[in-house]
Amino acid sequence: MALLQVDNLTVEFAIPGGSVKALDNFSLRVDAGSYHGIIGESGSGKSIAMLAIMGLLPKTATITADQLALKGRSILDMSTTERRNTLYQDVSIIFQEPHNSLNPSFKIKSQINETLEAHGYNNRKKRTQRTRELLSDVGLVHIDNILDSYPHQLTAGILQRIMIAIALACEPDLLIADEPTASLDTFEQGQITEQLTTLVRERNMAMVLIAHDLHLMREQTDYVTIMYCGQIVESGSKDIIFEHAKHPYTHSILASEPSTWNIPFKSHVPSLKGATPSLQHLPVGCYLGPRCPYAEAHCVQAPEPIYENEHMTRCHFAGSIKYDR
C-alpha cells in the first residue's frame, strides 16, 4: 500500500469569463521512505499539486481526482476538520519563504512550543528538551539567543532551518519541501539541502522535493517527475530520467545543466525557442509543440501518456527521437 496515492488530480481556478486549468491529471505514488523530485518552470503546476494535496488552495479552486489517498484512506471523502487533522499528523510542508510562514509578532520559542503542544508535548520540560534537540538537529548553535528572537531578527538561512525543525517536530511520514532554499545564497542552499536530505533519510521519512537543482535531483532522489504547463510530461526512476529520458522537454532541461555543455567558446547555450505559454492560451494538441524542435503535423493532436514499466512519457514520438548527448 502506498503512503500517498494521487491519480488524475486536476485543479481549475475560476477567472472572469470562465476558468483556467492549472493542473491537468497529475498522478503520483509515494511509498514509505522514498524520495521524489519534481522539476518544472514557474507555472508548471508543481506547487499547485502539493497545495491541492494539503488542502491549502483558495475556495476559487475546483479540485477533482480519481483518487487522493493517504495510507489507504481517501482524503477526498474526509470532512475539512478530519482532513486537516489527518494531514497535520502525517504530513509536513516547508515553503520557499520562511518569513511568510512564521508569525512576526511572536518569538521563535513560542512558535515551536505551539507546534509541539499540538502534537502531545504537554510537559514544559520535555517540550524545552525537544525544542533544543530539533534546533540542534538542523545545525543551529546559540540556541538560547535564537529562541528569544523574533523572526525579523534572524537571517533567512536560520529561519529556514527553524522551519525544517518545525516540520520535523511532528515526526511526519511524508515531508513536502517546495523549493526550500530558493531565497538563500548558494552556500546556504547546499548546506541546508544536504542536511535536510540526511535528516529525512535517517528518519526513514518519504519526501517530495520541488527544486531546480538538477545535481541534487541526480544525487539524492529515487524518482523524478518533469512538469510543463500543468501536465506531467515524463516521470520515472532517476536513472531512467537522467540516462534514458524520452521527452524533448526533459532533454532540454538536462541540456541546460552546465556540466553537460560541450560547445565552443562564445557559442549559444542550448535552449528551447520561444517562451512558456500562458495557461489561458495553451497551444492546441501538445503544449510543447510550438517550441519543440522535433514537432510534426501530428503534434496538433494531444499526446496520450505512454507507460513502460514505471516510466511514463507524454509524447507522440517517445523513444523514436535520437538525441545528441
C-alpha atoms as a PDB file:
ATOM      1  CA  MET A   1       0.000   0.000   0.000  1.00  0.00           C
ATOM      2  CA  ALA A   2       1.353   3.422  -0.981  1.00  0.00           C
ATOM      3  CA  LEU A   3       1.866   6.082   1.665  1.00  0.00           C
ATOM      4  CA  LEU A   4       0.397   8.660  -0.740  1.00  0.00           C
ATOM      5  CA  GLN A   5      -1.534   7.772  -3.897  1.00  0.00           C
ATOM      6  CA  VAL A   6      -2.659  10.508  -6.273  1.00  0.00           C
ATOM      7  CA  ASP A   7      -4.465   9.609  -9.512  1.00  0.00           C
ATOM      8  CA  ASN A   8      -5.512  12.190 -12.117  1.00  0.00           C
ATOM      9  CA  LEU A   9      -5.599  15.196  -9.809  1.00  0.00           C
ATOM     10  CA  THR A  10      -6.948  18.232 -11.675  1.00  0.00           C
ATOM     11  CA  VAL A  11      -7.183  21.819 -10.422  1.00  0.00           C
ATOM     12  CA  GLU A  12      -9.099  24.642 -12.107  1.00  0.00           C
ATOM     13  CA  PHE A  13      -9.392  28.264 -10.998  1.00  0.00           C
ATOM     14  CA  ALA A  14     -12.374  30.477 -11.684  1.00  0.00           C
ATOM     15  CA  ILE A  15     -11.490  33.617 -13.632  1.00  0.00           C
ATOM     16  CA  PRO A  16     -13.692  36.320 -15.194  1.00  0.00           C
ATOM     17  CA  GLY A  17     -15.465  34.719 -18.118  1.00  0.00           C
ATOM     18  CA  GLY A  18     -14.566  31.117 -17.370  1.00  0.00           C
ATOM     19  CA  SER A  19     -11.846  29.024 -15.750  1.00  0.00           C
ATOM     20  CA  VAL A  20      -8.203  28.091 -16.223  1.00  0.00           C
ATOM     21  CA  LYS A  21      -6.777  24.603 -15.694  1.00  0.00           C
ATOM     22  CA  ALA A  22      -3.625  24.926 -13.583  1.00  0.00           C
ATOM     23  CA  LEU A  23      -3.125  21.184 -13.079  1.00  0.00           C
ATOM     24  CA  ASP A  24      -4.137  18.503 -15.556  1.00  0.00           C
ATOM     25  CA  ASN A  25      -4.403  14.841 -14.497  1.00  0.00           C
ATOM     26  CA  PHE A  26      -1.457  14.844 -12.096  1.00  0.00           C
ATOM     27  CA  SER A  27      -0.578  11.398 -10.700  1.00  0.00           C
ATOM     28  CA  LEU A  28       1.971  10.453  -8.059  1.00  0.00           C
ATOM     29  CA  ARG A  29       2.707   7.408  -5.914  1.00  0.00           C
ATOM     30  CA  VAL A  30       4.881   7.865  -2.838  1.00  0.00           C
ATOM     31  CA  ASP A  31       5.949   4.796  -0.881  1.00  0.00           C
ATOM     32  CA  ALA A  32       7.260   4.897   2.688  1.00  0.00           C
ATOM     33  CA  GLY A  33      10.874   6.041   2.801  1.00  0.00           C
ATOM     34  CA  SER A  34      11.041   7.033  -0.886  1.00  0.00           C
ATOM     35  CA  TYR A  35      12.428  10.333  -2.183  1.00  0.00           C
ATOM     36  CA  HIS A  36      10.674  12.045  -5.101  1.00  0.00           C
ATOM     37  CA  GLY A  37      11.824  15.093  -7.019  1.00  0.00           C
ATOM     38  CA  ILE A  38       9.576  17.368  -9.100  1.00  0.00           C
ATOM     39  CA  ILE A  39      11.105  19.671 -11.717  1.00  0.00           C
ATOM     40  CA  GLY A  40       9.385  22.340 -13.791  1.00  0.00           C
ATOM     41  CA  GLU A  41       9.370  26.002 -14.739  1.00  0.00           C
ATOM     42  CA  SER A  42       7.365  28.573 -12.804  1.00  0.00           C
ATOM     43  CA  GLY A  43       3.681  27.993 -13.515  1.00  0.00           C
ATOM     44  CA  SER A  44       4.151  24.329 -14.420  1.00  0.00           C
ATOM     45  CA  GLY A  45       1.794  23.212 -11.637  1.00  0.00           C
ATOM     46  CA  LYS A  46       4.265  21.583  -9.270  1.00  0.00           C
ATOM     47  CA  SER A  47       3.416  23.777  -6.265  1.00  0.00           C
ATOM     48  CA  ILE A  48      -0.304  23.748  -7.089  1.00  0.00           C
ATOM     49  CA  ALA A  49      -0.244  19.944  -6.919  1.00  0.00           C
ATOM     50  CA  MET A  50       1.260  19.940  -3.425  1.00  0.00           C
ATOM     51  CA  LEU A  51      -1.078  22.671  -2.153  1.00  0.00           C
ATOM     52  CA  ALA A  52      -4.061  20.740  -3.509  1.00  0.00           C
ATOM     53  CA  ILE A  53      -2.932  17.605  -1.677  1.00  0.00           C
ATOM     54  CA  MET A  54      -2.551  19.587   1.554  1.00  0.00           C
ATOM     55  CA  GLY A  55      -5.919  21.322   1.137  1.00  0.00           C
ATOM     56  CA  LEU A  56      -4.320  24.771   1.092  1.00  0.00           C
ATOM     57  CA  LEU A  57      -5.781  26.153  -2.135  1.00  0.00           C
ATOM     58  CA  PRO A  58      -8.307  29.028  -2.050  1.00  0.00           C
ATOM     59  CA  LYS A  59     -12.027  28.478  -2.498  1.00  0.00           C
ATOM     60  CA  THR A  60     -11.782  29.683  -6.098  1.00  0.00           C
ATOM     61  CA  ALA A  61     -10.083  26.366  -6.912  1.00  0.00           C
ATOM     62  CA  THR A  62     -12.080  23.361  -8.117  1.00  0.00           C
ATOM     63  CA  ILE A  63     -10.296  20.107  -7.293  1.00  0.00           C
ATOM     64  CA  THR A  64     -11.129  16.710  -8.783  1.00  0.00           C
ATOM     65  CA  ALA A  65      -9.286  13.396  -8.699  1.00  0.00           C
ATOM     66  CA  ASP A  66      -9.877   9.726  -9.355  1.00  0.00           C
ATOM     67  CA  GLN A  67      -8.010   9.016  -6.136  1.00  0.00           C
ATOM     68  CA  LEU A  68      -6.299  11.038  -3.422  1.00  0.00           C
ATOM     69  CA  ALA A  69      -5.409   8.733  -0.566  1.00  0.00           C
ATOM     70  CA  LEU A  70      -3.051   8.817   2.412  1.00  0.00           C
ATOM     71  CA  LYS A  71      -2.204   5.433   3.946  1.00  0.00           C
ATOM     72  CA  GLY A  72      -5.110   3.917   2.037  1.00  0.00           C
ATOM     73  CA  ARG A  73      -7.678   6.426   3.342  1.00  0.00           C
ATOM     74  CA  SER A  74      -9.366   8.716   0.832  1.00  0.00           C
ATOM     75  CA  ILE A  75      -8.663  12.343   1.681  1.00  0.00           C
ATOM     76  CA  LEU A  76     -11.370  13.495  -0.709  1.00  0.00           C
ATOM     77  CA  ASP A  77     -14.049  11.744   1.352  1.00  0.00           C
ATOM     78  CA  MET A  78     -12.994  13.406   4.617  1.00  0.00           C
ATOM     79  CA  SER A  79     -14.603  16.443   6.185  1.00  0.00           C
ATOM     80  CA  THR A  80     -12.484  19.590   6.325  1.00  0.00           C
ATOM     81  CA  THR A  81     -11.675  19.030  10.005  1.00  0.00           C
ATOM     82  CA  GLU A  82     -10.868  15.342   9.581  1.00  0.00           C
ATOM     83  CA  ARG A  83      -8.671  16.053   6.575  1.00  0.00           C
ATOM     84  CA  ARG A  84      -6.779  18.782   8.420  1.00  0.00           C
ATOM     85  CA  ASN A  85      -6.193  16.556  11.456  1.00  0.00           C
ATOM     86  CA  THR A  86      -5.064  13.595   9.340  1.00  0.00           C
ATOM     87  CA  LEU A  87      -2.626  15.628   7.274  1.00  0.00           C
ATOM     88  CA  TYR A  88      -1.388  17.519  10.335  1.00  0.00           C
ATOM     89  CA  GLN A  89      -0.314  14.249  11.956  1.00  0.00           C
ATOM     90  CA  ASP A  90       1.271  12.531   8.963  1.00  0.00           C
ATOM     91  CA  VAL A  91       2.453  15.217   6.528  1.00  0.00           C
ATOM     92  CA  SER A  92       4.578  18.361   6.895  1.00  0.00           C
ATOM     93  CA  ILE A  93       5.335  21.005   4.284  1.00  0.00           C
ATOM     94  CA  ILE A  94       8.182  23.518   4.011  1.00  0.00           C
ATOM     95  CA  PHE A  95       7.649  26.594   1.837  1.00  0.00           C
ATOM     96  CA  GLN A  96      10.054  28.845  -0.074  1.00  0.00           C
ATOM     97  CA  GLU A  97       9.810  31.945   2.097  1.00  0.00           C
ATOM     98  CA  PRO A  98      10.271  31.323   5.842  1.00  0.00           C
ATOM     99  CA  HIS A  99       9.336  34.948   6.596  1.00  0.00           C
ATOM    100  CA  ASN A 100       5.841  34.231   5.299  1.00  0.00           C
ATOM    101  CA  SER A 101       5.486  31.063   7.386  1.00  0.00           C
ATOM    102  CA  LEU A 102       6.467  32.461  10.786  1.00  0.00           C
ATOM    103  CA  ASN A 103       4.402  34.949  12.789  1.00  0.00           C
ATOM    104  CA  PRO A 104       6.385  38.208  13.117  1.00  0.00           C
ATOM    105  CA  SER A 105       4.616  39.046  16.397  1.00  0.00           C
ATOM    106  CA  PHE A 106       5.860  36.044  18.385  1.00  0.00           C
ATOM    107  CA  LYS A 107       9.281  34.840  19.420  1.00  0.00           C
ATOM    108  CA  ILE A 108      10.675  31.637  17.928  1.00  0.00           C
ATOM    109  CA  LYS A 109      10.331  29.738  21.203  1.00  0.00           C
ATOM    110  CA  SER A 110       6.571  30.273  21.432  1.00  0.00           C
ATOM    111  CA  GLN A 111       6.047  29.257  17.793  1.00  0.00           C
ATOM    112  CA  ILE A 112       7.920  25.981  18.199  1.00  0.00           C
ATOM    113  CA  ASN A 113       6.136  25.359  21.509  1.00  0.00           C
ATOM    114  CA  GLU A 114       2.773  25.788  19.807  1.00  0.00           C
ATOM    115  CA  THR A 115       3.638  23.068  17.295  1.00  0.00           C
ATOM    116  CA  LEU A 116       4.936  20.688  19.962  1.00  0.00           C
ATOM    117  CA  GLU A 117       1.872  21.206  22.177  1.00  0.00           C
ATOM    118  CA  ALA A 118      -0.379  20.374  19.235  1.00  0.00           C
ATOM    119  CA  HIS A 119       1.467  17.067  18.901  1.00  0.00           C
ATOM    120  CA  GLY A 120       1.210  15.967  22.512  1.00  0.00           C
ATOM    121  CA  TYR A 121       4.183  17.612  24.240  1.00  0.00           C
ATOM    122  CA  ASN A 122       2.245  18.973  27.205  1.00  0.00           C
ATOM    123  CA  ASN A 123       5.109  18.782  29.708  1.00  0.00           C
ATOM    124  CA  ARG A 124       7.131  22.013  29.663  1.00  0.00           C
ATOM    125  CA  LYS A 125      10.447  20.310  30.475  1.00  0.00           C
ATOM    126  CA  LYS A 126      10.035  17.737  27.699  1.00  0.00           C
ATOM    127  CA  ARG A 127       8.932  20.470  25.325  1.00  0.00           C
ATOM    128  CA  THR A 128      12.061  22.514  26.051  1.00  0.00           C
ATOM    129  CA  GLN A 129      14.280  19.470  25.619  1.00  0.00           C
ATOM    130  CA  ARG A 130      12.623  18.555  22.326  1.00  0.00           C
ATOM    131  CA  THR A 131      12.935  22.137  21.051  1.00  0.00           C
ATOM    132  CA  ARG A 132      16.683  22.114  21.681  1.00  0.00           C
ATOM    133  CA  GLU A 133      17.045  18.710  20.028  1.00  0.00           C
ATOM    134  CA  LEU A 134      15.229  19.881  16.913  1.00  0.00           C
ATOM    135  CA  LEU A 135      17.257  23.068  16.526  1.00  0.00           C
ATOM    136  CA  SER A 136      20.485  21.177  17.126  1.00  0.00           C
ATOM    137  CA  ASP A 137      19.496  18.552  14.542  1.00  0.00           C
ATOM    138  CA  VAL A 138      19.200  21.217  11.846  1.00  0.00           C
ATOM    139  CA  GLY A 139      22.665  22.569  12.650  1.00  0.00           C
ATOM    140  CA  LEU A 140      21.841  25.638  14.719  1.00  0.00           C
ATOM    141  CA  VAL A 141      24.019  26.947  17.553  1.00  0.00           C
ATOM    142  CA  HIS A 142      23.459  29.750  20.095  1.00  0.00           C
ATOM    143  CA  ILE A 143      20.037  28.212  20.607  1.00  0.00           C
ATOM    144  CA  ASP A 144      19.073  30.407  23.589  1.00  0.00           C
ATOM    145  CA  ASN A 145      19.554  33.562  21.519  1.00  0.00           C
ATOM    146  CA  ILE A 146      17.535  32.124  18.644  1.00  0.00           C
ATOM    147  CA  LEU A 147      14.632  31.060  20.863  1.00  0.00           C
ATOM    148  CA  ASP A 148      14.465  34.543  22.380  1.00  0.00           C
ATOM    149  CA  SER A 149      14.422  36.255  18.967  1.00  0.00           C
ATOM    150  CA  TYR A 150      11.653  37.457  16.679  1.00  0.00           C
ATOM    151  CA  PRO A 151      11.732  36.267  13.047  1.00  0.00           C
ATOM    152  CA  HIS A 152      12.864  39.668  11.691  1.00  0.00           C
ATOM    153  CA  GLN A 153      15.972  39.496  13.894  1.00  0.00           C
ATOM    154  CA  LEU A 154      17.282  36.338  12.206  1.00  0.00           C
ATOM    155  CA  THR A 155      18.748  35.611   8.789  1.00  0.00           C
ATOM    156  CA  ALA A 156      16.808  33.788   6.070  1.00  0.00           C
ATOM    157  CA  GLY A 157      19.119  30.788   6.449  1.00  0.00           C
ATOM    158  CA  ILE A 158      18.435  30.465  10.173  1.00  0.00           C
ATOM    159  CA  LEU A 159      14.698  30.934   9.632  1.00  0.00           C
ATOM    160  CA  GLN A 160      14.588  28.181   7.029  1.00  0.00           C
ATOM    161  CA  ARG A 161      16.411  25.823   9.387  1.00  0.00           C
ATOM    162  CA  ILE A 162      13.802  26.688  12.025  1.00  0.00           C
ATOM    163  CA  MET A 163      11.036  25.866   9.542  1.00  0.00           C
ATOM    164  CA  ILE A 164      12.673  22.494   8.882  1.00  0.00           C
ATOM    165  CA  ALA A 165      12.831  21.872  12.640  1.00  0.00           C
ATOM    166  CA  ILE A 166       9.126  22.725  12.995  1.00  0.00           C
ATOM    167  CA  ALA A 167       8.280  20.445  10.064  1.00  0.00           C
ATOM    168  CA  LEU A 168      10.156  17.576  11.716  1.00  0.00           C
ATOM    169  CA  ALA A 169       8.578  18.220  15.128  1.00  0.00           C
ATOM    170  CA  CYS A 170       5.535  16.043  14.441  1.00  0.00           C
ATOM    171  CA  GLU A 171       7.739  13.235  13.064  1.00  0.00           C
ATOM    172  CA  PRO A 172       5.754  13.050   9.804  1.00  0.00           C
ATOM    173  CA  ASP A 173       5.693  10.076   7.476  1.00  0.00           C
ATOM    174  CA  LEU A 174       5.864  12.436   4.491  1.00  0.00           C
ATOM    175  CA  LEU A 175       7.723  15.719   4.124  1.00  0.00           C
ATOM    176  CA  ILE A 176       6.954  18.068   1.219  1.00  0.00           C
ATOM    177  CA  ALA A 177       9.609  20.699   0.507  1.00  0.00           C
ATOM    178  CA  ASP A 178       8.604  23.375  -2.011  1.00  0.00           C
ATOM    179  CA  GLU A 179      11.884  24.917  -3.198  1.00  0.00           C
ATOM    180  CA  PRO A 180      13.018  25.286   0.431  1.00  0.00           C
ATOM    181  CA  THR A 181      16.293  27.045  -0.413  1.00  0.00           C
ATOM    182  CA  ALA A 182      15.175  29.304  -3.281  1.00  0.00           C
ATOM    183  CA  SER A 183      15.618  32.513  -1.270  1.00  0.00           C
ATOM    184  CA  LEU A 184      19.064  31.599   0.096  1.00  0.00           C
ATOM    185  CA  ASP A 185      22.580  32.134  -1.226  1.00  0.00           C
ATOM    186  CA  THR A 186      24.395  29.293  -2.980  1.00  0.00           C
ATOM    187  CA  PHE A 187      26.472  28.270   0.040  1.00  0.00           C
ATOM    188  CA  GLU A 188      23.461  28.050   2.344  1.00  0.00           C
ATOM    189  CA  GLN A 189      21.441  26.248  -0.329  1.00  0.00           C
ATOM    190  CA  GLY A 190      23.950  23.415  -0.450  1.00  0.00           C
ATOM    191  CA  GLN A 191      24.284  23.180   3.319  1.00  0.00           C
ATOM    192  CA  ILE A 192      20.580  23.159   4.102  1.00  0.00           C
ATOM    193  CA  THR A 193      19.571  20.826   1.273  1.00  0.00           C
ATOM    194  CA  GLU A 194      22.222  18.284   2.237  1.00  0.00           C
ATOM    195  CA  GLN A 195      21.213  18.488   5.890  1.00  0.00           C
ATOM    196  CA  LEU A 196      17.519  18.143   5.058  1.00  0.00           C
ATOM    197  CA  THR A 197      18.191  15.064   2.939  1.00  0.00           C
ATOM    198  CA  THR A 198      20.274  13.498   5.720  1.00  0.00           C
ATOM    199  CA  LEU A 199      17.551  14.106   8.320  1.00  0.00           C
ATOM    200  CA  VAL A 200      14.880  12.610   6.061  1.00  0.00           C
ATOM    201  CA  ARG A 201      16.971   9.522   5.300  1.00  0.00           C
ATOM    202  CA  GLU A 202      17.884   8.985   8.971  1.00  0.00           C
ATOM    203  CA  ARG A 203      14.221   9.069   9.966  1.00  0.00           C
ATOM    204  CA  ASN A 204      13.104   6.884   7.035  1.00  0.00           C
ATOM    205  CA  MET A 205      10.576   9.509   6.007  1.00  0.00           C
ATOM    206  CA  ALA A 206       9.231   9.858   2.491  1.00  0.00           C
ATOM    207  CA  MET A 207       9.946  13.163   0.804  1.00  0.00           C
ATOM    208  CA  VAL A 208       8.677  15.133  -2.176  1.00  0.00           C
ATOM    209  CA  LEU A 209      11.158  17.841  -3.155  1.00  0.00           C
ATOM    210  CA  ILE A 210      10.316  20.624  -5.601  1.00  0.00           C
ATOM    211  CA  ALA A 211      13.560  22.134  -6.889  1.00  0.00           C
ATOM    212  CA  HIS A 212      15.504  23.356  -9.916  1.00  0.00           C
ATOM    213  CA  ASP A 213      18.814  21.830  -8.817  1.00  0.00           C
ATOM    214  CA  LEU A 214      19.472  19.009 -11.296  1.00  0.00           C
ATOM    215  CA  HIS A 215      22.634  17.927  -9.488  1.00  0.00           C
ATOM    216  CA  LEU A 216      20.655  17.496  -6.274  1.00  0.00           C
ATOM    217  CA  MET A 217      17.961  15.511  -8.063  1.00  0.00           C
ATOM    218  CA  ARG A 218      20.567  13.272  -9.652  1.00  0.00           C
ATOM    219  CA  GLU A 219      22.404  12.631  -6.393  1.00  0.00           C
ATOM    220  CA  GLN A 220      19.597  12.368  -3.839  1.00  0.00           C
ATOM    221  CA  THR A 221      16.225  11.374  -5.283  1.00  0.00           C
ATOM    222  CA  ASP A 222      14.811   7.953  -6.136  1.00  0.00           C
ATOM    223  CA  TYR A 223      12.159   9.133  -8.614  1.00  0.00           C
ATOM    224  CA  VAL A 224      11.800  12.270 -10.738  1.00  0.00           C
ATOM    225  CA  THR A 225       8.744  13.928 -12.290  1.00  0.00           C
ATOM    226  CA  ILE A 226       9.032  16.555 -15.046  1.00  0.00           C
ATOM    227  CA  MET A 227       6.156  19.051 -15.438  1.00  0.00           C
ATOM    228  CA  TYR A 228       5.212  21.532 -18.159  1.00  0.00           C
ATOM    229  CA  CYS A 229       2.097  23.724 -18.382  1.00  0.00           C
ATOM    230  CA  GLY A 230       0.221  21.823 -15.679  1.00  0.00           C
ATOM    231  CA  GLN A 231       0.957  18.358 -17.074  1.00  0.00           C
ATOM    232  CA  ILE A 232       3.434  15.634 -16.248  1.00  0.00           C
ATOM    233  CA  VAL A 233       5.442  15.133 -19.435  1.00  0.00           C
ATOM    234  CA  GLU A 234       7.762  12.450 -18.071  1.00  0.00           C
ATOM    235  CA  SER A 235       8.299  10.545 -14.850  1.00  0.00           C
ATOM    236  CA  GLY A 236      10.263   7.553 -13.661  1.00  0.00           C
ATOM    237  CA  SER A 237      13.271   6.472 -11.647  1.00  0.00           C
ATOM    238  CA  LYS A 238      16.119   8.963 -11.563  1.00  0.00           C
ATOM    239  CA  ASP A 239      18.310   6.585 -13.588  1.00  0.00           C
ATOM    240  CA  ILE A 240      15.747   6.481 -16.400  1.00  0.00           C
ATOM    241  CA  ILE A 241      15.170  10.237 -16.363  1.00  0.00           C
ATOM    242  CA  PHE A 242      18.834  11.210 -16.343  1.00  0.00           C
ATOM    243  CA  GLU A 243      20.191   8.447 -18.570  1.00  0.00           C
ATOM    244  CA  HIS A 244      17.317   7.344 -20.830  1.00  0.00           C
ATOM    245  CA  ALA A 245      14.848  10.249 -20.977  1.00  0.00           C
ATOM    246  CA  LYS A 246      12.482  10.179 -23.963  1.00  0.00           C
ATOM    247  CA  HIS A 247      10.655  13.515 -23.878  1.00  0.00           C
ATOM    248  CA  PRO A 248      12.070  16.566 -25.739  1.00  0.00           C
ATOM    249  CA  TYR A 249      11.334  18.860 -22.805  1.00  0.00           C
ATOM    250  CA  THR A 250      13.229  16.608 -20.396  1.00  0.00           C
ATOM    251  CA  HIS A 251      16.195  16.658 -22.750  1.00  0.00           C
ATOM    252  CA  SER A 252      16.074  20.448 -22.938  1.00  0.00           C
ATOM    253  CA  ILE A 253      16.215  20.630 -19.134  1.00  0.00           C
ATOM    254  CA  LEU A 254      19.129  18.207 -18.944  1.00  0.00           C
ATOM    255  CA  ALA A 255      20.923  20.125 -21.710  1.00  0.00           C
ATOM    256  CA  SER A 256      20.682  23.277 -19.586  1.00  0.00           C
ATOM    257  CA  GLU A 257      22.924  21.701 -16.940  1.00  0.00           C
ATOM    258  CA  PRO A 258      26.373  23.346 -17.316  1.00  0.00           C
ATOM    259  CA  SER A 259      28.224  20.069 -16.719  1.00  0.00           C
ATOM    260  CA  THR A 260      26.716  18.711 -19.958  1.00  0.00           C
ATOM    261  CA  TRP A 261      27.884  21.594 -22.159  1.00  0.00           C
ATOM    262  CA  ASN A 262      30.386  20.696 -24.834  1.00  0.00           C
ATOM    263  CA  ILE A 263      30.190  23.794 -27.011  1.00  0.00           C
ATOM    264  CA  PRO A 264      32.771  26.201 -28.454  1.00  0.00           C
ATOM    265  CA  PHE A 265      33.622  29.435 -26.663  1.00  0.00           C
ATOM    266  CA  LYS A 266      31.013  32.201 -27.178  1.00  0.00           C
ATOM    267  CA  SER A 267      28.516  29.786 -28.713  1.00  0.00           C
ATOM    268  CA  HIS A 268      24.835  29.906 -27.790  1.00  0.00           C
ATOM    269  CA  VAL A 269      23.775  27.928 -24.719  1.00  0.00           C
ATOM    270  CA  PRO A 270      21.283  25.154 -25.663  1.00  0.00           C
ATOM    271  CA  SER A 271      17.675  26.222 -25.055  1.00  0.00           C
ATOM    272  CA  LEU A 272      14.181  25.827 -26.457  1.00  0.00           C
ATOM    273  CA  LYS A 273      12.900  28.566 -28.731  1.00  0.00           C
ATOM    274  CA  GLY A 274      10.077  30.829 -27.598  1.00  0.00           C
ATOM    275  CA  ALA A 275       8.570  31.125 -24.137  1.00  0.00           C
ATOM    276  CA  THR A 276       6.279  29.085 -21.919  1.00  0.00           C
ATOM    277  CA  PRO A 277       2.665  29.809 -22.971  1.00  0.00           C
ATOM    278  CA  SER A 278       0.056  31.281 -20.664  1.00  0.00           C
ATOM    279  CA  LEU A 279      -2.304  28.730 -19.125  1.00  0.00           C
ATOM    280  CA  GLN A 280      -5.155  30.811 -20.556  1.00  0.00           C
ATOM    281  CA  HIS A 281      -3.812  30.455 -24.099  1.00  0.00           C
ATOM    282  CA  LEU A 282      -2.349  26.970 -24.359  1.00  0.00           C
ATOM    283  CA  PRO A 283      -1.445  25.571 -27.791  1.00  0.00           C
ATOM    284  CA  VAL A 284      -3.720  23.063 -29.498  1.00  0.00           C
ATOM    285  CA  GLY A 285      -2.525  19.485 -29.061  1.00  0.00           C
ATOM    286  CA  CYS A 286       0.883  19.036 -27.458  1.00  0.00           C
ATOM    287  CA  TYR A 287       1.602  22.018 -25.216  1.00  0.00           C
ATOM    288  CA  LEU A 288       5.295  21.911 -26.125  1.00  0.00           C
ATOM    289  CA  GLY A 289       4.559  21.750 -29.864  1.00  0.00           C
ATOM    290  CA  PRO A 290       5.321  25.363 -30.913  1.00  0.00           C
ATOM    291  CA  ARG A 291       8.676  25.219 -29.077  1.00  0.00           C
ATOM    292  CA  CYS A 292       9.674  21.636 -29.852  1.00  0.00           C
ATOM    293  CA  PRO A 293      12.442  21.112 -32.450  1.00  0.00           C
ATOM    294  CA  TYR A 294      11.003  17.674 -33.261  1.00  0.00           C
ATOM    295  CA  ALA A 295       7.350  18.723 -33.724  1.00  0.00           C
ATOM    296  CA  GLU A 296       5.431  17.404 -36.725  1.00  0.00           C
ATOM    297  CA  ALA A 297       1.894  17.836 -38.065  1.00  0.00           C
ATOM    298  CA  HIS A 298       0.661  15.026 -35.810  1.00  0.00           C
ATOM    299  CA  CYS A 299       1.505  17.138 -32.748  1.00  0.00           C
ATOM    300  CA  VAL A 300      -1.697  19.178 -33.145  1.00  0.00           C
ATOM    301  CA  GLN A 301      -3.309  16.128 -31.515  1.00  0.00           C
ATOM    302  CA  ALA A 302      -2.882  15.914 -27.736  1.00  0.00           C
ATOM    303  CA  PRO A 303      -0.487  13.052 -26.901  1.00  0.00           C
ATOM    304  CA  GLU A 304      -1.655  10.341 -24.520  1.00  0.00           C
ATOM    305  CA  PRO A 305       0.659   9.155 -21.726  1.00  0.00           C
ATOM    306  CA  ILE A 306       2.769   6.152 -22.715  1.00  0.00           C
ATOM    307  CA  TYR A 307       3.607   3.758 -19.888  1.00  0.00           C
ATOM    308  CA  GLU A 308       6.532   1.353 -19.910  1.00  0.00           C
ATOM    309  CA  ASN A 309       7.033  -0.408 -16.583  1.00  0.00           C
ATOM    310  CA  GLU A 310       7.317   2.514 -14.109  1.00  0.00           C
ATOM    311  CA  HIS A 311       8.284   5.066 -16.767  1.00  0.00           C
ATOM    312  CA  MET A 312       5.706   7.485 -18.222  1.00  0.00           C
ATOM    313  CA  THR A 313       6.194   9.787 -21.217  1.00  0.00           C
ATOM    314  CA  ARG A 314       3.670  12.157 -22.814  1.00  0.00           C
ATOM    315  CA  CYS A 315       4.926  12.419 -26.411  1.00  0.00           C
ATOM    316  CA  HIS A 316       3.822  11.042 -29.804  1.00  0.00           C
ATOM    317  CA  PHE A 317       7.408  10.125 -30.639  1.00  0.00           C
ATOM    318  CA  ALA A 318       8.659   8.879 -27.281  1.00  0.00           C
ATOM    319  CA  GLY A 319      11.582   6.557 -27.837  1.00  0.00           C
ATOM    320  CA  SER A 320      11.871   7.225 -31.582  1.00  0.00           C
ATOM    321  CA  ILE A 321      13.764  10.532 -31.406  1.00  0.00           C
ATOM    322  CA  LYS A 322      17.556  10.297 -31.465  1.00  0.00           C
ATOM    323  CA  TYR A 323      19.017  12.908 -29.163  1.00  0.00           C
ATOM    324  CA  ASP A 324      22.569  14.256 -29.184  1.00  0.00           C
ATOM    325  CA  ARG A 325      24.298  13.585 -25.881  1.00  0.00           C
END
